[in-house]
Amino acid sequence: MLLRLYNYLIVLAGHKYSLFVLALIAFVESSIFPIPPDVMLIPMIIAARNRAWLIAGVCTLFSVLGGLFGYLIGVFLFEEVGRPIIEFYNFSNQFSEFAARYNEWGAWAVLIAGITPFPYKVITILSGFSSIDIVVFVVFSIIARGARFFLVAALLWYYGEAIKSFIERHLGWLLATFILLLLGSFILVKFVI
């Protein structure tokens, strides 16, 4: 069953609208959606290694644009939209302390959140709410998101067939690990940090 799902994702990743779907996922993940674009990015690059850089570029561009949308939520719609997202990730109790520290770290927080599993959308919203310079926000977002997505693309492009056969041999284990890491990150952010 997992192999059928994997093969379906590979076929879907080669669809003519797959770049559009990736762009949409990357955009909404940066501002409101909890699922990372890697779920589309990885199968798309495996399906079309020759387009790895284009795929990573689209993912980066729309992730940064989604980050700008999150920034605008922080500026104009914090109470209506931003605060519920912050509460969803369990940051409401320590919000003032986090915001004070965030103002100290500023662009570095954007860089760290853009690369790590930390919910980037929380940082995009807080950046707007805290009035971090928008140019600095965009530059650090491009660096962070670009580093993340182009690193994945580079690894998949370079190791291509070896990674594809590794994934096919260990699909169940990899899927379980991915789900555990995703859930673990979510639980860590929601209940510990």
C-alpha atoms as a PDB file:
ATOM      1  CA  MET A   1       0.000   0.000   0.000  1.00  0.00           C
ATOM      2  CA  LEU A   2       2.794   2.456   0.867  1.00  0.00           C
ATOM      3  CA  LEU A   3       4.562   1.684  -2.378  1.00  0.00           C
ATOM      4  CA  ARG A   4       1.336   2.397  -4.295  1.00  0.00           C
ATOM      5  CA  LEU A   5       1.000   5.725  -2.456  1.00  0.00           C
ATOM      6  CA  TYR A   6       4.645   6.550  -3.191  1.00  0.00           C
ATOM      7  CA  ASN A   7       4.214   5.685  -6.878  1.00  0.00           C
ATOM      8  CA  TYR A   8       1.040   7.780  -6.972  1.00  0.00           C
ATOM      9  CA  LEU A   9       2.934  10.754  -5.484  1.00  0.00           C
ATOM     10  CA  ILE A  10       5.680  10.333  -8.078  1.00  0.00           C
ATOM     11  CA  VAL A  11       3.093  10.303 -10.890  1.00  0.00           C
ATOM     12  CA  LEU A  12       1.285  13.261  -9.318  1.00  0.00           C
ATOM     13  CA  ALA A  13       4.611  15.092  -8.970  1.00  0.00           C
ATOM     14  CA  GLY A  14       5.043  14.836 -12.733  1.00  0.00           C
ATOM     15  CA  HIS A  15       1.608  16.329 -13.446  1.00  0.00           C
ATOM     16  CA  LYS A  16       1.518  19.560 -15.458  1.00  0.00           C
ATOM     17  CA  TYR A  17      -0.027  21.458 -12.514  1.00  0.00           C
ATOM     18  CA  SER A  18       2.360  20.118  -9.876  1.00  0.00           C
ATOM     19  CA  LEU A  19       4.412  23.345  -9.785  1.00  0.00           C
ATOM     20  CA  PHE A  20       1.219  25.294  -9.148  1.00  0.00           C
ATOM     21  CA  VAL A  21       0.251  22.930  -6.301  1.00  0.00           C
ATOM     22  CA  LEU A  22       3.766  23.197  -4.832  1.00  0.00           C
ATOM     23  CA  ALA A  23       3.600  26.998  -5.036  1.00  0.00           C
ATOM     24  CA  LEU A  24       0.241  26.988  -3.267  1.00  0.00           C
ATOM     25  CA  ILE A  25       1.438  24.649  -0.500  1.00  0.00           C
ATOM     26  CA  ALA A  26       4.667  26.643  -0.002  1.00  0.00           C
ATOM     27  CA  PHE A  27       2.678  29.884   0.182  1.00  0.00           C
ATOM     28  CA  VAL A  28       0.098  28.753   2.739  1.00  0.00           C
ATOM     29  CA  GLU A  29       2.654  26.839   4.847  1.00  0.00           C
ATOM     30  CA  SER A  30       4.547  30.073   5.442  1.00  0.00           C
ATOM     31  CA  SER A  31       1.531  31.891   6.816  1.00  0.00           C
ATOM     32  CA  ILE A  32      -1.167  29.516   8.109  1.00  0.00           C
ATOM     33  CA  PHE A  33      -0.850  25.835   7.079  1.00  0.00           C
ATOM     34  CA  PRO A  34       1.031  23.315   9.295  1.00  0.00           C
ATOM     35  CA  ILE A  35       2.229  20.829   6.617  1.00  0.00           C
ATOM     36  CA  PRO A  36       5.689  21.574   5.118  1.00  0.00           C
ATOM     37  CA  PRO A  37       6.084  21.845   1.330  1.00  0.00           C
ATOM     38  CA  ASP A  38       8.734  19.108   1.437  1.00  0.00           C
ATOM     39  CA  VAL A  39       5.876  16.595   1.026  1.00  0.00           C
ATOM     40  CA  MET A  40       5.536  17.835  -2.564  1.00  0.00           C
ATOM     41  CA  LEU A  41       9.080  19.097  -3.121  1.00  0.00           C
ATOM     42  CA  ILE A  42      10.808  15.737  -2.586  1.00  0.00           C
ATOM     43  CA  PRO A  43       8.612  13.577  -4.867  1.00  0.00           C
ATOM     44  CA  MET A  44       8.655  16.284  -7.539  1.00  0.00           C
ATOM     45  CA  ILE A  45      12.448  16.357  -7.630  1.00  0.00           C
ATOM     46  CA  ILE A  46      12.652  12.550  -7.568  1.00  0.00           C
ATOM     47  CA  ALA A  47      10.207  12.439 -10.502  1.00  0.00           C
ATOM     48  CA  ALA A  48      12.035  15.133 -12.494  1.00  0.00           C
ATOM     49  CA  ARG A  49      15.648  15.547 -11.360  1.00  0.00           C
ATOM     50  CA  ASN A  50      16.408  17.740 -14.367  1.00  0.00           C
ATOM     51  CA  ARG A  51      13.966  20.328 -12.949  1.00  0.00           C
ATOM     52  CA  ALA A  52      15.360  20.248  -9.379  1.00  0.00           C
ATOM     53  CA  TRP A  53      16.531  23.877  -9.408  1.00  0.00           C
ATOM     54  CA  LEU A  54      13.292  25.187 -10.920  1.00  0.00           C
ATOM     55  CA  ILE A  55      11.250  23.241  -8.361  1.00  0.00           C
ATOM     56  CA  ALA A  56      13.391  24.524  -5.457  1.00  0.00           C
ATOM     57  CA  GLY A  57      13.178  28.063  -6.865  1.00  0.00           C
ATOM     58  CA  VAL A  58       9.378  27.976  -7.098  1.00  0.00           C
ATOM     59  CA  CYS A  59       9.167  26.542  -3.587  1.00  0.00           C
ATOM     60  CA  THR A  60      11.494  29.261  -2.239  1.00  0.00           C
ATOM     61  CA  LEU A  61       9.747  32.116  -4.053  1.00  0.00           C
ATOM     62  CA  PHE A  62       6.262  31.166  -2.924  1.00  0.00           C
ATOM     63  CA  SER A  63       7.413  30.350   0.586  1.00  0.00           C
ATOM     64  CA  VAL A  64       8.856  33.872   0.870  1.00  0.00           C
ATOM     65  CA  LEU A  65       5.680  35.371  -0.640  1.00  0.00           C
ATOM     66  CA  GLY A  66       3.647  33.375   1.892  1.00  0.00           C
ATOM     67  CA  GLY A  67       5.980  34.704   4.565  1.00  0.00           C
ATOM     68  CA  LEU A  68       5.168  38.244   3.409  1.00  0.00           C
ATOM     69  CA  PHE A  69       1.486  37.375   3.706  1.00  0.00           C
ATOM     70  CA  GLY A  70       2.162  36.178   7.270  1.00  0.00           C
ATOM     71  CA  TYR A  71       4.043  39.427   7.905  1.00  0.00           C
ATOM     72  CA  LEU A  72       0.990  41.396   6.729  1.00  0.00           C
ATOM     73  CA  ILE A  73      -1.240  39.295   9.000  1.00  0.00           C
ATOM     74  CA  GLY A  74       1.018  40.382  11.864  1.00  0.00           C
ATOM     75  CA  VAL A  75       0.752  44.041  10.858  1.00  0.00           C
ATOM     76  CA  PHE A  76      -2.931  44.329   9.984  1.00  0.00           C
ATOM     77  CA  LEU A  77      -4.817  41.270  11.259  1.00  0.00           C
ATOM     78  CA  PHE A  78      -2.950  40.156  14.345  1.00  0.00           C
ATOM     79  CA  GLU A  79      -5.954  39.991  16.688  1.00  0.00           C
ATOM     80  CA  GLU A  80      -8.306  38.444  14.135  1.00  0.00           C
ATOM     81  CA  VAL A  81      -5.970  35.943  12.440  1.00  0.00           C
ATOM     82  CA  GLY A  82      -2.463  36.094  13.917  1.00  0.00           C
ATOM     83  CA  ARG A  83      -3.318  35.528  17.561  1.00  0.00           C
ATOM     84  CA  PRO A  84      -5.384  32.357  16.844  1.00  0.00           C
ATOM     85  CA  ILE A  85      -2.436  30.945  14.875  1.00  0.00           C
ATOM     86  CA  ILE A  86      -0.059  31.827  17.730  1.00  0.00           C
ATOM     87  CA  GLU A  87      -2.483  30.161  20.166  1.00  0.00           C
ATOM     88  CA  PHE A  88      -2.698  27.080  17.955  1.00  0.00           C
ATOM     89  CA  TYR A  89       1.061  26.639  18.382  1.00  0.00           C
ATOM     90  CA  ASN A  90       0.699  27.277  22.137  1.00  0.00           C
ATOM     91  CA  PHE A  91       2.686  30.527  22.194  1.00  0.00           C
ATOM     92  CA  SER A  92      -0.053  32.648  23.789  1.00  0.00           C
ATOM     93  CA  ASN A  93       1.068  32.085  27.412  1.00  0.00           C
ATOM     94  CA  GLN A  94       4.650  33.162  26.815  1.00  0.00           C
ATOM     95  CA  PHE A  95       3.865  35.583  23.998  1.00  0.00           C
ATOM     96  CA  SER A  96       5.140  38.796  25.649  1.00  0.00           C
ATOM     97  CA  GLU A  97       8.413  37.161  26.725  1.00  0.00           C
ATOM     98  CA  PHE A  98       8.824  35.584  23.312  1.00  0.00           C
ATOM     99  CA  ALA A  99       8.043  38.904  21.573  1.00  0.00           C
ATOM    100  CA  ALA A 100      10.634  40.718  23.734  1.00  0.00           C
ATOM    101  CA  ARG A 101      13.285  38.123  22.912  1.00  0.00           C
ATOM    102  CA  TYR A 102      12.185  38.151  19.316  1.00  0.00           C
ATOM    103  CA  ASN A 103      12.847  41.887  19.112  1.00  0.00           C
ATOM    104  CA  GLU A 104      16.399  41.199  20.365  1.00  0.00           C
ATOM    105  CA  TRP A 105      17.010  38.414  17.832  1.00  0.00           C
ATOM    106  CA  GLY A 106      14.950  39.813  14.941  1.00  0.00           C
ATOM    107  CA  ALA A 107      16.388  38.676  11.637  1.00  0.00           C
ATOM    108  CA  TRP A 108      18.260  35.769  13.229  1.00  0.00           C
ATOM    109  CA  ALA A 109      14.926  34.355  14.403  1.00  0.00           C
ATOM    110  CA  VAL A 110      13.701  34.546  10.802  1.00  0.00           C
ATOM    111  CA  LEU A 111      16.837  32.741   9.628  1.00  0.00           C
ATOM    112  CA  ILE A 112      16.609  29.975  12.247  1.00  0.00           C
ATOM    113  CA  ALA A 113      12.864  29.417  11.782  1.00  0.00           C
ATOM    114  CA  GLY A 114      13.240  29.431   8.006  1.00  0.00           C
ATOM    115  CA  ILE A 115      15.686  26.530   8.069  1.00  0.00           C
ATOM    116  CA  THR A 116      14.512  24.442  11.033  1.00  0.00           C
ATOM    117  CA  PRO A 117      11.212  22.648  11.717  1.00  0.00           C
ATOM    118  CA  PHE A 118      10.165  25.567  13.976  1.00  0.00           C
ATOM    119  CA  PRO A 119       6.844  26.879  12.595  1.00  0.00           C
ATOM    120  CA  TYR A 120       7.994  29.573  10.170  1.00  0.00           C
ATOM    121  CA  LYS A 121       4.481  31.046  10.118  1.00  0.00           C
ATOM    122  CA  VAL A 122       4.815  32.022  13.803  1.00  0.00           C
ATOM    123  CA  ILE A 123       7.939  34.012  12.946  1.00  0.00           C
ATOM    124  CA  THR A 124       6.381  35.616   9.865  1.00  0.00           C
ATOM    125  CA  ILE A 125       3.399  36.812  11.902  1.00  0.00           C
ATOM    126  CA  LEU A 126       5.575  37.995  14.803  1.00  0.00           C
ATOM    127  CA  SER A 127       7.845  39.822  12.346  1.00  0.00           C
ATOM    128  CA  GLY A 128       4.919  41.897  11.139  1.00  0.00           C
ATOM    129  CA  PHE A 129       3.499  42.364  14.632  1.00  0.00           C
ATOM    130  CA  SER A 130       6.929  43.451  15.958  1.00  0.00           C
ATOM    131  CA  SER A 131       7.521  45.752  12.969  1.00  0.00           C
ATOM    132  CA  ILE A 132      10.809  44.177  11.943  1.00  0.00           C
ATOM    133  CA  ASP A 133      12.172  45.956   8.892  1.00  0.00           C
ATOM    134  CA  ILE A 134      10.417  44.337   5.937  1.00  0.00           C
ATOM    135  CA  VAL A 135      13.539  44.389   3.735  1.00  0.00           C
ATOM    136  CA  VAL A 136      15.556  42.580   6.423  1.00  0.00           C
ATOM    137  CA  PHE A 137      12.684  40.116   6.832  1.00  0.00           C
ATOM    138  CA  VAL A 138      12.563  39.389   3.088  1.00  0.00           C
ATOM    139  CA  VAL A 139      16.356  39.061   2.732  1.00  0.00           C
ATOM    140  CA  PHE A 140      16.665  36.656   5.671  1.00  0.00           C
ATOM    141  CA  SER A 141      13.607  34.721   4.482  1.00  0.00           C
ATOM    142  CA  ILE A 142      15.135  34.283   1.027  1.00  0.00           C
ATOM    143  CA  ILE A 143      18.417  33.103   2.563  1.00  0.00           C
ATOM    144  CA  ALA A 144      16.747  30.694   5.015  1.00  0.00           C
ATOM    145  CA  ARG A 145      14.070  29.238   2.777  1.00  0.00           C
ATOM    146  CA  GLY A 146      16.422  29.114  -0.201  1.00  0.00           C
ATOM    147  CA  ALA A 147      19.062  27.283   1.839  1.00  0.00           C
ATOM    148  CA  ARG A 148      16.512  24.772   3.055  1.00  0.00           C
ATOM    149  CA  PHE A 149      14.855  23.985  -0.279  1.00  0.00           C
ATOM    150  CA  PHE A 150      17.966  24.189  -2.459  1.00  0.00           C
ATOM    151  CA  LEU A 151      19.862  21.894  -0.075  1.00  0.00           C
ATOM    152  CA  VAL A 152      17.108  19.286  -0.435  1.00  0.00           C
ATOM    153  CA  ALA A 153      17.165  19.800  -4.217  1.00  0.00           C
ATOM    154  CA  ALA A 154      20.963  19.497  -4.351  1.00  0.00           C
ATOM    155  CA  LEU A 155      20.972  16.249  -2.370  1.00  0.00           C
ATOM    156  CA  LEU A 156      18.195  14.732  -4.467  1.00  0.00           C
ATOM    157  CA  TRP A 157      19.783  15.930  -7.704  1.00  0.00           C
ATOM    158  CA  TYR A 158      23.260  14.676  -6.798  1.00  0.00           C
ATOM    159  CA  TYR A 159      22.268  11.318  -5.326  1.00  0.00           C
ATOM    160  CA  GLY A 160      19.254  10.842  -7.633  1.00  0.00           C
ATOM    161  CA  GLU A 161      18.844   7.134  -8.355  1.00  0.00           C
ATOM    162  CA  ALA A 162      20.584   6.079  -5.138  1.00  0.00           C
ATOM    163  CA  ILE A 163      18.133   8.108  -3.047  1.00  0.00           C
ATOM    164  CA  LYS A 164      15.185   6.932  -5.125  1.00  0.00           C
ATOM    165  CA  SER A 165      16.051   3.262  -4.631  1.00  0.00           C
ATOM    166  CA  PHE A 166      16.811   3.868  -0.931  1.00  0.00           C
ATOM    167  CA  ILE A 167      13.382   5.463  -0.493  1.00  0.00           C
ATOM    168  CA  GLU A 168      11.695   2.613  -2.354  1.00  0.00           C
ATOM    169  CA  ARG A 169      13.483  -0.018  -0.221  1.00  0.00           C
ATOM    170  CA  HIS A 170      12.835   1.724   3.114  1.00  0.00           C
ATOM    171  CA  LEU A 171       9.573   3.543   2.406  1.00  0.00           C
ATOM    172  CA  GLY A 172       7.696   2.312   5.484  1.00  0.00           C
ATOM    173  CA  TRP A 173      10.526   3.174   7.839  1.00  0.00           C
ATOM    174  CA  LEU A 174      11.073   6.588   6.221  1.00  0.00           C
ATOM    175  CA  LEU A 175       7.381   7.451   6.302  1.00  0.00           C
ATOM    176  CA  ALA A 176       7.110   6.432   9.957  1.00  0.00           C
ATOM    177  CA  THR A 177      10.214   8.496  10.787  1.00  0.00           C
ATOM    178  CA  PHE A 178       8.880  11.515   8.880  1.00  0.00           C
ATOM    179  CA  ILE A 179       5.512  11.317  10.646  1.00  0.00           C
ATOM    180  CA  LEU A 180       7.182  10.917  14.046  1.00  0.00           C
ATOM    181  CA  LEU A 181       9.479  13.894  13.397  1.00  0.00           C
ATOM    182  CA  LEU A 182       6.578  16.002  12.164  1.00  0.00           C
ATOM    183  CA  LEU A 183       4.402  15.087  15.144  1.00  0.00           C
ATOM    184  CA  GLY A 184       7.352  15.416  17.526  1.00  0.00           C
ATOM    185  CA  SER A 185       8.130  18.906  16.223  1.00  0.00           C
ATOM    186  CA  PHE A 186       4.493  19.883  16.517  1.00  0.00           C
ATOM    187  CA  ILE A 187       4.233  18.512  20.087  1.00  0.00           C
ATOM    188  CA  LEU A 188       7.533  20.124  21.072  1.00  0.00           C
ATOM    189  CA  VAL A 189       6.436  23.514  19.808  1.00  0.00           C
ATOM    190  CA  LYS A 190       2.876  23.235  21.120  1.00  0.00           C
ATOM    191  CA  PHE A 191       3.551  21.859  24.591  1.00  0.00           C
ATOM    192  CA  VAL A 192       7.202  22.405  25.502  1.00  0.00           C
ATOM    193  CA  ILE A 193       8.562  25.610  23.971  1.00  0.00           C
END
